[in-house]
Amino acid sequence: MMPTNQYVELHNGGYYVAGTRIGLDVVAYDFRRGRSAEAVFEAYPSVGSLVKVYGAITFILEHPAEVDAYLRDQERIFEEIQTQHPMPAELVERFERAPERKAG
């Protein structure tokens, strides 16, 4: 289990930017793909402040092994859910196109 701080909290078995529904995995993936803290905040304004985004990124940088393990675990859980409850092909296609629209 990872530690938490004023910017990252654990609830419902997942890690989130404190006081939000924005998953730590979302911030981690965006940041690791090269998105700036400002761009992450612009994409997810419900985070509440740029300070919280920087706090979450600092947490990610301070705990790389734990965050990597958490991301792998989240991917495994997602794959299990997909296997148990497959989505219709047209829905899968829509989800796969969504990140392209958001990034562009």
PDB file of N, CA and C in Angstrom:
ATOM      1  N   MET A   1       0.842  -1.191   0.000  1.00  0.00           N
ATOM      2  CA  MET A   1       0.000   0.000   0.000  1.00  0.00           C
ATOM      3  C   MET A   1       0.883   1.250   0.000  1.00  0.00           C
ATOM      4  N   MET A   2       0.500   2.225  -0.799  1.00  0.00           N
ATOM      5  CA  MET A   2       1.246   3.481  -0.890  1.00  0.00           C
ATOM      6  C   MET A   2       0.850   4.415   0.241  1.00  0.00           C
ATOM      7  N   PRO A   3       1.760   5.310   0.573  1.00  0.00           N
ATOM      8  CA  PRO A   3       1.380   6.358   1.535  1.00  0.00           C
ATOM      9  C   PRO A   3       0.428   7.341   0.852  1.00  0.00           C
ATOM     10  N   THR A   4      -0.108   8.247   1.611  1.00  0.00           N
ATOM     11  CA  THR A   4      -0.910   9.336   1.049  1.00  0.00           C
ATOM     12  C   THR A   4      -0.341  10.640   1.596  1.00  0.00           C
ATOM     13  N   ASN A   5      -0.824  11.755   1.095  1.00  0.00           N
ATOM     14  CA  ASN A   5      -0.425  13.057   1.623  1.00  0.00           C
ATOM     15  C   ASN A   5      -1.572  14.029   1.403  1.00  0.00           C
ATOM     16  N   GLN A   6      -1.312  15.308   1.538  1.00  0.00           N
ATOM     17  CA  GLN A   6      -2.405  16.276   1.399  1.00  0.00           C
ATOM     18  C   GLN A   6      -2.929  16.375  -0.028  1.00  0.00           C
ATOM     19  N   TYR A   7      -2.177  15.831  -1.004  1.00  0.00           N
ATOM     20  CA  TYR A   7      -2.593  15.916  -2.404  1.00  0.00           C
ATOM     21  C   TYR A   7      -3.112  14.608  -2.985  1.00  0.00           C
ATOM     22  N   VAL A   8      -2.834  13.510  -2.307  1.00  0.00           N
ATOM     23  CA  VAL A   8      -3.240  12.192  -2.799  1.00  0.00           C
ATOM     24  C   VAL A   8      -3.901  11.431  -1.659  1.00  0.00           C
ATOM     25  N   GLU A   9      -5.096  10.894  -1.935  1.00  0.00           N
ATOM     26  CA  GLU A   9      -5.807  10.153  -0.892  1.00  0.00           C
ATOM     27  C   GLU A   9      -6.289   8.816  -1.434  1.00  0.00           C
ATOM     28  N   LEU A  10      -6.528   7.909  -0.509  1.00  0.00           N
ATOM     29  CA  LEU A  10      -7.032   6.583  -0.835  1.00  0.00           C
ATOM     30  C   LEU A  10      -8.502   6.530  -0.452  1.00  0.00           C
ATOM     31  N   HIS A  11      -9.347   6.175  -1.428  1.00  0.00           N
ATOM     32  CA  HIS A  11     -10.752   5.882  -1.100  1.00  0.00           C
ATOM     33  C   HIS A  11     -11.313   4.933  -2.137  1.00  0.00           C
ATOM     34  N   ASN A  12     -12.246   4.105  -1.694  1.00  0.00           N
ATOM     35  CA  ASN A  12     -12.848   3.066  -2.538  1.00  0.00           C
ATOM     36  C   ASN A  12     -11.800   2.164  -3.190  1.00  0.00           C
ATOM     37  N   GLY A  13     -10.703   1.939  -2.482  1.00  0.00           N
ATOM     38  CA  GLY A  13      -9.659   1.049  -2.984  1.00  0.00           C
ATOM     39  C   GLY A  13      -8.771   1.651  -4.050  1.00  0.00           C
ATOM     40  N   GLY A  14      -8.917   2.938  -4.331  1.00  0.00           N
ATOM     41  CA  GLY A  14      -8.091   3.585  -5.350  1.00  0.00           C
ATOM     42  C   GLY A  14      -7.481   4.870  -4.838  1.00  0.00           C
ATOM     43  N   TYR A  15      -6.456   5.333  -5.536  1.00  0.00           N
ATOM     44  CA  TYR A  15      -5.789   6.582  -5.180  1.00  0.00           C
ATOM     45  C   TYR A  15      -6.300   7.697  -6.084  1.00  0.00           C
ATOM     46  N   TYR A  16      -6.572   8.840  -5.454  1.00  0.00           N
ATOM     47  CA  TYR A  16      -7.176   9.978  -6.146  1.00  0.00           C
ATOM     48  C   TYR A  16      -6.478  11.267  -5.741  1.00  0.00           C
ATOM     49  N   VAL A  17      -6.579  12.264  -6.609  1.00  0.00           N
ATOM     50  CA  VAL A  17      -6.178  13.602  -6.208  1.00  0.00           C
ATOM     51  C   VAL A  17      -7.126  13.985  -5.072  1.00  0.00           C
ATOM     52  N   ALA A  18      -6.570  14.442  -3.971  1.00  0.00           N
ATOM     53  CA  ALA A  18      -7.343  14.689  -2.748  1.00  0.00           C
ATOM     54  C   ALA A  18      -8.584  15.544  -3.021  1.00  0.00           C
ATOM     55  N   GLY A  19      -9.708  15.072  -2.498  1.00  0.00           N
ATOM     56  CA  GLY A  19     -10.955  15.802  -2.601  1.00  0.00           C
ATOM     57  C   GLY A  19     -11.622  15.760  -3.965  1.00  0.00           C
ATOM     58  N   THR A  20     -11.151  14.853  -4.840  1.00  0.00           N
ATOM     59  CA  THR A  20     -11.712  14.786  -6.195  1.00  0.00           C
ATOM     60  C   THR A  20     -12.010  13.336  -6.569  1.00  0.00           C
ATOM     61  N   ARG A  21     -12.581  13.182  -7.757  1.00  0.00           N
ATOM     62  CA  ARG A  21     -12.781  11.856  -8.343  1.00  0.00           C
ATOM     63  C   ARG A  21     -11.759  11.592  -9.441  1.00  0.00           C
ATOM     64  N   ILE A  22     -10.738  12.437  -9.527  1.00  0.00           N
ATOM     65  CA  ILE A  22      -9.696  12.274 -10.540  1.00  0.00           C
ATOM     66  C   ILE A  22      -8.673  11.273 -10.018  1.00  0.00           C
ATOM     67  N   GLY A  23      -8.571  10.140 -10.711  1.00  0.00           N
ATOM     68  CA  GLY A  23      -7.657   9.091 -10.279  1.00  0.00           C
ATOM     69  C   GLY A  23      -6.202   9.487 -10.439  1.00  0.00           C
ATOM     70  N   LEU A  24      -5.376   9.023  -9.504  1.00  0.00           N
ATOM     71  CA  LEU A  24      -3.933   9.243  -9.600  1.00  0.00           C
ATOM     72  C   LEU A  24      -3.401   8.644 -10.892  1.00  0.00           C
ATOM     73  N   ASP A  25      -4.008   7.544 -11.342  1.00  0.00           N
ATOM     74  CA  ASP A  25      -3.560   6.915 -12.586  1.00  0.00           C
ATOM     75  C   ASP A  25      -3.735   7.857 -13.777  1.00  0.00           C
ATOM     76  N   VAL A  26      -4.806   8.630 -13.797  1.00  0.00           N
ATOM     77  CA  VAL A  26      -5.050   9.582 -14.890  1.00  0.00           C
ATOM     78  C   VAL A  26      -3.922  10.607 -14.947  1.00  0.00           C
ATOM     79  N   VAL A  27      -3.588  11.177 -13.792  1.00  0.00           N
ATOM     80  CA  VAL A  27      -2.522  12.179 -13.728  1.00  0.00           C
ATOM     81  C   VAL A  27      -1.188  11.535 -14.091  1.00  0.00           C
ATOM     82  N   ALA A  28      -0.929  10.347 -13.570  1.00  0.00           N
ATOM     83  CA  ALA A  28       0.343   9.667 -13.842  1.00  0.00           C
ATOM     84  C   ALA A  28       0.517   9.400 -15.332  1.00  0.00           C
ATOM     85  N   TYR A  29      -0.496   8.852 -15.974  1.00  0.00           N
ATOM     86  CA  TYR A  29      -0.389   8.558 -17.409  1.00  0.00           C
ATOM     87  C   TYR A  29      -0.208   9.837 -18.225  1.00  0.00           C
ATOM     88  N   ASP A  30      -0.991  10.857 -17.923  1.00  0.00           N
ATOM     89  CA  ASP A  30      -0.867  12.115 -18.670  1.00  0.00           C
ATOM     90  C   ASP A  30       0.516  12.727 -18.484  1.00  0.00           C
ATOM     91  N   PHE A  31       0.980  12.777 -17.249  1.00  0.00           N
ATOM     92  CA  PHE A  31       2.296  13.366 -16.962  1.00  0.00           C
ATOM     93  C   PHE A  31       3.403  12.574 -17.646  1.00  0.00           C
ATOM     94  N   ARG A  32       3.329  11.258 -17.579  1.00  0.00           N
ATOM     95  CA  ARG A  32       4.370  10.416 -18.185  1.00  0.00           C
ATOM     96  C   ARG A  32       4.340  10.475 -19.711  1.00  0.00           C
ATOM     97  N   ARG A  33       3.225  10.867 -20.272  1.00  0.00           N
ATOM     98  CA  ARG A  33       3.144  11.053 -21.732  1.00  0.00           C
ATOM     99  C   ARG A  33       3.640  12.438 -22.149  1.00  0.00           C
ATOM    100  N   GLY A  34       4.052  13.231 -21.175  1.00  0.00           N
ATOM    101  CA  GLY A  34       4.618  14.534 -21.491  1.00  0.00           C
ATOM    102  C   GLY A  34       3.681  15.712 -21.325  1.00  0.00           C
ATOM    103  N   ARG A  35       2.496  15.466 -20.805  1.00  0.00           N
ATOM    104  CA  ARG A  35       1.545  16.570 -20.601  1.00  0.00           C
ATOM    105  C   ARG A  35       1.999  17.391 -19.391  1.00  0.00           C
ATOM    106  N   SER A  36       1.998  18.702 -19.537  1.00  0.00           N
ATOM    107  CA  SER A  36       2.406  19.580 -18.433  1.00  0.00           C
ATOM    108  C   SER A  36       1.338  19.605 -17.339  1.00  0.00           C
ATOM    109  N   ALA A  37       1.742  20.069 -16.173  1.00  0.00           N
ATOM    110  CA  ALA A  37       0.780  20.207 -15.070  1.00  0.00           C
ATOM    111  C   ALA A  37      -0.354  21.136 -15.479  1.00  0.00           C
ATOM    112  N   GLU A  38      -0.022  22.197 -16.197  1.00  0.00           N
ATOM    113  CA  GLU A  38      -1.042  23.138 -16.650  1.00  0.00           C
ATOM    114  C   GLU A  38      -2.029  22.472 -17.597  1.00  0.00           C
ATOM    115  N   ALA A  39      -1.511  21.632 -18.499  1.00  0.00           N
ATOM    116  CA  ALA A  39      -2.385  20.931 -19.450  1.00  0.00           C
ATOM    117  C   ALA A  39      -3.261  19.908 -18.733  1.00  0.00           C
ATOM    118  N   VAL A  40      -2.721  19.244 -17.710  1.00  0.00           N
ATOM    119  CA  VAL A  40      -3.520  18.297 -16.924  1.00  0.00           C
ATOM    120  C   VAL A  40      -4.649  19.056 -16.228  1.00  0.00           C
ATOM    121  N   PHE A  41      -4.331  20.199 -15.648  1.00  0.00           N
ATOM    122  CA  PHE A  41      -5.352  20.997 -14.962  1.00  0.00           C
ATOM    123  C   PHE A  41      -6.411  21.491 -15.949  1.00  0.00           C
ATOM    124  N   GLU A  42      -5.972  21.882 -17.131  1.00  0.00           N
ATOM    125  CA  GLU A  42      -6.915  22.337 -18.157  1.00  0.00           C
ATOM    126  C   GLU A  42      -7.848  21.198 -18.575  1.00  0.00           C
ATOM    127  N   ALA A  43      -7.302  19.980 -18.678  1.00  0.00           N
ATOM    128  CA  ALA A  43      -8.101  18.819 -19.083  1.00  0.00           C
ATOM    129  C   ALA A  43      -9.054  18.370 -17.969  1.00  0.00           C
ATOM    130  N   TYR A  44      -8.650  18.561 -16.717  1.00  0.00           N
ATOM    131  CA  TYR A  44      -9.441  18.098 -15.565  1.00  0.00           C
ATOM    132  C   TYR A  44      -9.605  19.238 -14.559  1.00  0.00           C
ATOM    133  N   PRO A  45     -10.355  20.274 -14.905  1.00  0.00           N
ATOM    134  CA  PRO A  45     -10.497  21.419 -13.998  1.00  0.00           C
ATOM    135  C   PRO A  45     -11.142  21.064 -12.659  1.00  0.00           C
ATOM    136  N   SER A  46     -11.845  19.932 -12.602  1.00  0.00           N
ATOM    137  CA  SER A  46     -12.467  19.545 -11.325  1.00  0.00           C
ATOM    138  C   SER A  46     -11.415  19.177 -10.274  1.00  0.00           C
ATOM    139  N   VAL A  47     -10.144  19.097 -10.666  1.00  0.00           N
ATOM    140  CA  VAL A  47      -9.072  18.909  -9.680  1.00  0.00           C
ATOM    141  C   VAL A  47      -9.128  20.059  -8.677  1.00  0.00           C
ATOM    142  N   GLY A  48      -9.477  21.241  -9.150  1.00  0.00           N
ATOM    143  CA  GLY A  48      -9.674  22.363  -8.247  1.00  0.00           C
ATOM    144  C   GLY A  48      -8.580  23.403  -8.277  1.00  0.00           C
ATOM    145  N   SER A  49      -7.328  22.981  -8.455  1.00  0.00           N
ATOM    146  CA  SER A  49      -6.239  23.967  -8.508  1.00  0.00           C
ATOM    147  C   SER A  49      -5.005  23.350  -9.148  1.00  0.00           C
ATOM    148  N   LEU A  50      -4.203  24.215  -9.723  1.00  0.00           N
ATOM    149  CA  LEU A  50      -2.936  23.793 -10.300  1.00  0.00           C
ATOM    150  C   LEU A  50      -2.006  23.261  -9.208  1.00  0.00           C
ATOM    151  N   VAL A  51      -2.121  23.814  -8.007  1.00  0.00           N
ATOM    152  CA  VAL A  51      -1.312  23.353  -6.875  1.00  0.00           C
ATOM    153  C   VAL A  51      -1.559  21.866  -6.614  1.00  0.00           C
ATOM    154  N   LYS A  52      -2.828  21.430  -6.682  1.00  0.00           N
ATOM    155  CA  LYS A  52      -3.139  20.016  -6.464  1.00  0.00           C
ATOM    156  C   LYS A  52      -2.525  19.138  -7.544  1.00  0.00           C
ATOM    157  N   VAL A  53      -2.513  19.622  -8.794  1.00  0.00           N
ATOM    158  CA  VAL A  53      -1.900  18.857  -9.875  1.00  0.00           C
ATOM    159  C   VAL A  53      -0.406  18.713  -9.606  1.00  0.00           C
ATOM    160  N   TYR A  54       0.258  19.822  -9.273  1.00  0.00           N
ATOM    161  CA  TYR A  54       1.688  19.758  -8.958  1.00  0.00           C
ATOM    162  C   TYR A  54       1.943  18.860  -7.753  1.00  0.00           C
ATOM    163  N   GLY A  55       1.053  18.898  -6.763  1.00  0.00           N
ATOM    164  CA  GLY A  55       1.195  18.030  -5.597  1.00  0.00           C
ATOM    165  C   GLY A  55       1.102  16.562  -5.971  1.00  0.00           C
ATOM    166  N   ALA A  56       0.159  16.229  -6.836  1.00  0.00           N
ATOM    167  CA  ALA A  56       0.006  14.843  -7.290  1.00  0.00           C
ATOM    168  C   ALA A  56       1.217  14.409  -8.113  1.00  0.00           C
ATOM    169  N   ILE A  57       1.717  15.301  -8.977  1.00  0.00           N
ATOM    170  CA  ILE A  57       2.905  14.971  -9.784  1.00  0.00           C
ATOM    171  C   ILE A  57       4.118  14.772  -8.879  1.00  0.00           C
ATOM    172  N   THR A  58       4.264  15.612  -7.877  1.00  0.00           N
ATOM    173  CA  THR A  58       5.368  15.449  -6.918  1.00  0.00           C
ATOM    174  C   THR A  58       5.259  14.098  -6.229  1.00  0.00           C
ATOM    175  N   PHE A  59       4.057  13.719  -5.827  1.00  0.00           N
ATOM    176  CA  PHE A  59       3.828  12.414  -5.208  1.00  0.00           C
ATOM    177  C   PHE A  59       4.268  11.292  -6.156  1.00  0.00           C
ATOM    178  N   ILE A  60       3.887  11.394  -7.421  1.00  0.00           N
ATOM    179  CA  ILE A  60       4.233  10.388  -8.432  1.00  0.00           C
ATOM    180  C   ILE A  60       5.748  10.283  -8.558  1.00  0.00           C
ATOM    181  N   LEU A  61       6.425  11.423  -8.576  1.00  0.00           N
ATOM    182  CA  LEU A  61       7.888  11.432  -8.706  1.00  0.00           C
ATOM    183  C   LEU A  61       8.587  10.918  -7.453  1.00  0.00           C
ATOM    184  N   GLU A  62       7.998  11.140  -6.289  1.00  0.00           N
ATOM    185  CA  GLU A  62       8.592  10.690  -5.030  1.00  0.00           C
ATOM    186  C   GLU A  62       8.379   9.200  -4.772  1.00  0.00           C
ATOM    187  N   HIS A  63       7.396   8.587  -5.422  1.00  0.00           N
ATOM    188  CA  HIS A  63       7.055   7.182  -5.183  1.00  0.00           C
ATOM    189  C   HIS A  63       6.952   6.402  -6.501  1.00  0.00           C
ATOM    190  N   PRO A  64       8.010   6.425  -7.324  1.00  0.00           N
ATOM    191  CA  PRO A  64       7.892   5.807  -8.658  1.00  0.00           C
ATOM    192  C   PRO A  64       7.603   4.307  -8.627  1.00  0.00           C
ATOM    193  N   ALA A  65       8.249   3.559  -7.762  1.00  0.00           N
ATOM    194  CA  ALA A  65       8.043   2.104  -7.723  1.00  0.00           C
ATOM    195  C   ALA A  65       6.619   1.780  -7.272  1.00  0.00           C
ATOM    196  N   GLU A  66       6.140   2.490  -6.251  1.00  0.00           N
ATOM    197  CA  GLU A  66       4.794   2.247  -5.739  1.00  0.00           C
ATOM    198  C   GLU A  66       3.739   2.631  -6.770  1.00  0.00           C
ATOM    199  N   VAL A  67       3.956   3.753  -7.452  1.00  0.00           N
ATOM    200  CA  VAL A  67       2.998   4.194  -8.471  1.00  0.00           C
ATOM    201  C   VAL A  67       2.990   3.201  -9.633  1.00  0.00           C
ATOM    202  N   ASP A  68       4.179   2.734 -10.058  1.00  0.00           N
ATOM    203  CA  ASP A  68       4.238   1.733 -11.129  1.00  0.00           C
ATOM    204  C   ASP A  68       3.469   0.476 -10.741  1.00  0.00           C
ATOM    205  N   ALA A  69       3.657   0.003  -9.510  1.00  0.00           N
ATOM    206  CA  ALA A  69       2.953  -1.194  -9.043  1.00  0.00           C
ATOM    207  C   ALA A  69       1.442  -0.943  -9.020  1.00  0.00           C
ATOM    208  N   TYR A  70       1.033   0.235  -8.576  1.00  0.00           N
ATOM    209  CA  TYR A  70      -0.389   0.585  -8.536  1.00  0.00           C
ATOM    210  C   TYR A  70      -0.977   0.608  -9.945  1.00  0.00           C
ATOM    211  N   LEU A  71      -0.259   1.211 -10.899  1.00  0.00           N
ATOM    212  CA  LEU A  71      -0.749   1.282 -12.275  1.00  0.00           C
ATOM    213  C   LEU A  71      -0.880  -0.115 -12.875  1.00  0.00           C
ATOM    214  N   ARG A  72       0.099  -0.978 -12.616  1.00  0.00           N
ATOM    215  CA  ARG A  72       0.013  -2.364 -13.111  1.00  0.00           C
ATOM    216  C   ARG A  72      -1.195  -3.069 -12.506  1.00  0.00           C
ATOM    217  N   ASP A  73      -1.428  -2.843 -11.225  1.00  0.00           N
ATOM    218  CA  ASP A  73      -2.563  -3.456 -10.546  1.00  0.00           C
ATOM    219  C   ASP A  73      -3.879  -2.944 -11.128  1.00  0.00           C
ATOM    220  N   GLN A  74      -3.969  -1.647 -11.391  1.00  0.00           N
ATOM    221  CA  GLN A  74      -5.178  -1.073 -11.985  1.00  0.00           C
ATOM    222  C   GLN A  74      -5.427  -1.664 -13.377  1.00  0.00           C
ATOM    223  N   GLU A  75      -4.368  -1.825 -14.166  1.00  0.00           N
ATOM    224  CA  GLU A  75      -4.500  -2.407 -15.507  1.00  0.00           C
ATOM    225  C   GLU A  75      -4.998  -3.853 -15.416  1.00  0.00           C
ATOM    226  N   ARG A  76      -4.455  -4.604 -14.449  1.00  0.00           N
ATOM    227  CA  ARG A  76      -4.878  -5.993 -14.256  1.00  0.00           C
ATOM    228  C   ARG A  76      -6.364  -6.056 -13.900  1.00  0.00           C
ATOM    229  N   ILE A  77      -6.795  -5.198 -12.993  1.00  0.00           N
ATOM    230  CA  ILE A  77      -8.201  -5.153 -12.583  1.00  0.00           C
ATOM    231  C   ILE A  77      -9.084  -4.807 -13.785  1.00  0.00           C
ATOM    232  N   PHE A  78      -8.661  -3.818 -14.581  1.00  0.00           N
ATOM    233  CA  PHE A  78      -9.428  -3.417 -15.763  1.00  0.00           C
ATOM    234  C   PHE A  78      -9.536  -4.573 -16.744  1.00  0.00           C
ATOM    235  N   GLU A  79      -8.432  -5.292 -16.954  1.00  0.00           N
ATOM    236  CA  GLU A  79      -8.456  -6.437 -17.869  1.00  0.00           C
ATOM    237  C   GLU A  79      -9.387  -7.534 -17.370  1.00  0.00           C
ATOM    238  N   GLU A  80      -9.394  -7.769 -16.056  1.00  0.00           N
ATOM    239  CA  GLU A  80     -10.297  -8.769 -15.487  1.00  0.00           C
ATOM    240  C   GLU A  80     -11.760  -8.376 -15.709  1.00  0.00           C
ATOM    241  N   ILE A  81     -12.053  -7.106 -15.500  1.00  0.00           N
ATOM    242  CA  ILE A  81     -13.424  -6.628 -15.705  1.00  0.00           C
ATOM    243  C   ILE A  81     -13.813  -6.757 -17.170  1.00  0.00           C
ATOM    244  N   GLN A  82     -12.895  -6.404 -18.077  1.00  0.00           N
ATOM    245  CA  GLN A  82     -13.174  -6.528 -19.508  1.00  0.00           C
ATOM    246  C   GLN A  82     -13.442  -7.977 -19.890  1.00  0.00           C
ATOM    247  N   THR A  83     -12.690  -8.902 -19.313  1.00  0.00           N
ATOM    248  CA  THR A  83     -12.868 -10.317 -19.619  1.00  0.00           C
ATOM    249  C   THR A  83     -14.218 -10.808 -19.118  1.00  0.00           C
ATOM    250  N   GLN A  84     -14.587 -10.381 -17.909  1.00  0.00           N
ATOM    251  CA  GLN A  84     -15.849 -10.822 -17.320  1.00  0.00           C
ATOM    252  C   GLN A  84     -17.065 -10.144 -17.957  1.00  0.00           C
ATOM    253  N   HIS A  85     -16.880  -8.905 -18.416  1.00  0.00           N
ATOM    254  CA  HIS A  85     -17.987  -8.120 -18.959  1.00  0.00           C
ATOM    255  C   HIS A  85     -17.536  -7.434 -20.242  1.00  0.00           C
ATOM    256  N   PRO A  86     -17.403  -8.176 -21.334  1.00  0.00           N
ATOM    257  CA  PRO A  86     -16.929  -7.558 -22.577  1.00  0.00           C
ATOM    258  C   PRO A  86     -17.888  -6.486 -23.082  1.00  0.00           C
ATOM    259  N   MET A  87     -17.297  -5.414 -23.612  1.00  0.00           N
ATOM    260  CA  MET A  87     -18.096  -4.331 -24.178  1.00  0.00           C
ATOM    261  C   MET A  87     -18.394  -4.633 -25.645  1.00  0.00           C
ATOM    262  N   PRO A  88     -19.531  -4.150 -26.136  1.00  0.00           N
ATOM    263  CA  PRO A  88     -19.818  -4.286 -27.567  1.00  0.00           C
ATOM    264  C   PRO A  88     -18.727  -3.595 -28.394  1.00  0.00           C
ATOM    265  N   ALA A  89     -18.416  -4.129 -29.554  1.00  0.00           N
ATOM    266  CA  ALA A  89     -17.321  -3.632 -30.403  1.00  0.00           C
ATOM    267  C   ALA A  89     -17.425  -2.135 -30.685  1.00  0.00           C
ATOM    268  N   GLU A  90     -18.649  -1.644 -30.968  1.00  0.00           N
ATOM    269  CA  GLU A  90     -18.777  -0.214 -31.297  1.00  0.00           C
ATOM    270  C   GLU A  90     -18.454   0.675 -30.102  1.00  0.00           C
ATOM    271  N   LEU A  91     -18.732   0.198 -28.887  1.00  0.00           N
ATOM    272  CA  LEU A  91     -18.411   0.960 -27.688  1.00  0.00           C
ATOM    273  C   LEU A  91     -16.903   0.979 -27.461  1.00  0.00           C
ATOM    274  N   VAL A  92     -16.247  -0.150 -27.660  1.00  0.00           N
ATOM    275  CA  VAL A  92     -14.794  -0.235 -27.527  1.00  0.00           C
ATOM    276  C   VAL A  92     -14.138   0.750 -28.498  1.00  0.00           C
ATOM    277  N   GLU A  93     -14.629   0.783 -29.718  1.00  0.00           N
ATOM    278  CA  GLU A  93     -14.071   1.683 -30.735  1.00  0.00           C
ATOM    279  C   GLU A  93     -14.228   3.148 -30.305  1.00  0.00           C
ATOM    280  N   ARG A  94     -15.370   3.497 -29.741  1.00  0.00           N
ATOM    281  CA  ARG A  94     -15.590   4.870 -29.274  1.00  0.00           C
ATOM    282  C   ARG A  94     -14.620   5.237 -28.158  1.00  0.00           C
ATOM    283  N   PHE A  95     -14.407   4.325 -27.217  1.00  0.00           N
ATOM    284  CA  PHE A  95     -13.480   4.583 -26.120  1.00  0.00           C
ATOM    285  C   PHE A  95     -12.052   4.724 -26.620  1.00  0.00           C
ATOM    286  N   GLU A  96     -11.687   3.927 -27.602  1.00  0.00           N
ATOM    287  CA  GLU A  96     -10.322   3.993 -28.126  1.00  0.00           C
ATOM    288  C   GLU A  96     -10.079   5.296 -28.876  1.00  0.00           C
ATOM    289  N   ARG A  97     -11.100   5.852 -29.482  1.00  0.00           N
ATOM    290  CA  ARG A  97     -10.950   7.132 -30.194  1.00  0.00           C
ATOM    291  C   ARG A  97     -10.967   8.319 -29.239  1.00  0.00           C
ATOM    292  N   ALA A  98     -11.570   8.184 -28.076  1.00  0.00           N
ATOM    293  CA  ALA A  98     -11.712   9.301 -27.147  1.00  0.00           C
ATOM    294  C   ALA A  98     -10.386   9.941 -26.757  1.00  0.00           C
ATOM    295  N   PRO A  99      -9.337   9.186 -26.383  1.00  0.00           N
ATOM    296  CA  PRO A  99      -8.071   9.837 -26.016  1.00  0.00           C
ATOM    297  C   PRO A  99      -7.464  10.657 -27.151  1.00  0.00           C
ATOM    298  N   GLU A 100      -7.680  10.220 -28.388  1.00  0.00           N
ATOM    299  CA  GLU A 100      -7.166  10.965 -29.530  1.00  0.00           C
ATOM    300  C   GLU A 100      -7.829  12.333 -29.616  1.00  0.00           C
ATOM    301  N   ARG A 101      -9.133  12.363 -29.426  1.00  0.00           N
ATOM    302  CA  ARG A 101      -9.856  13.654 -29.466  1.00  0.00           C
ATOM    303  C   ARG A 101      -9.416  14.549 -28.325  1.00  0.00           C
ATOM    304  N   LYS A 102      -9.249  13.974 -27.139  1.00  0.00           N
ATOM    305  CA  LYS A 102      -8.891  14.754 -25.978  1.00  0.00           C
ATOM    306  C   LYS A 102      -7.476  15.317 -26.098  1.00  0.00           C
ATOM    307  N   ALA A 103      -6.552  14.490 -26.602  1.00  0.00           N
ATOM    308  CA  ALA A 103      -5.154  14.914 -26.733  1.00  0.00           C
ATOM    309  C   ALA A 103      -4.983  15.973 -27.812  1.00  0.00           C
ATOM    310  N   GLY A 104      -5.838  15.912 -28.832  1.00  0.00           N
ATOM    311  CA  GLY A 104      -5.715  16.816 -29.984  1.00  0.00           C
ATOM    312  C   GLY A 104      -6.258  18.136 -29.685  1.00  0.00           C
TER     313      GLY A 104
END
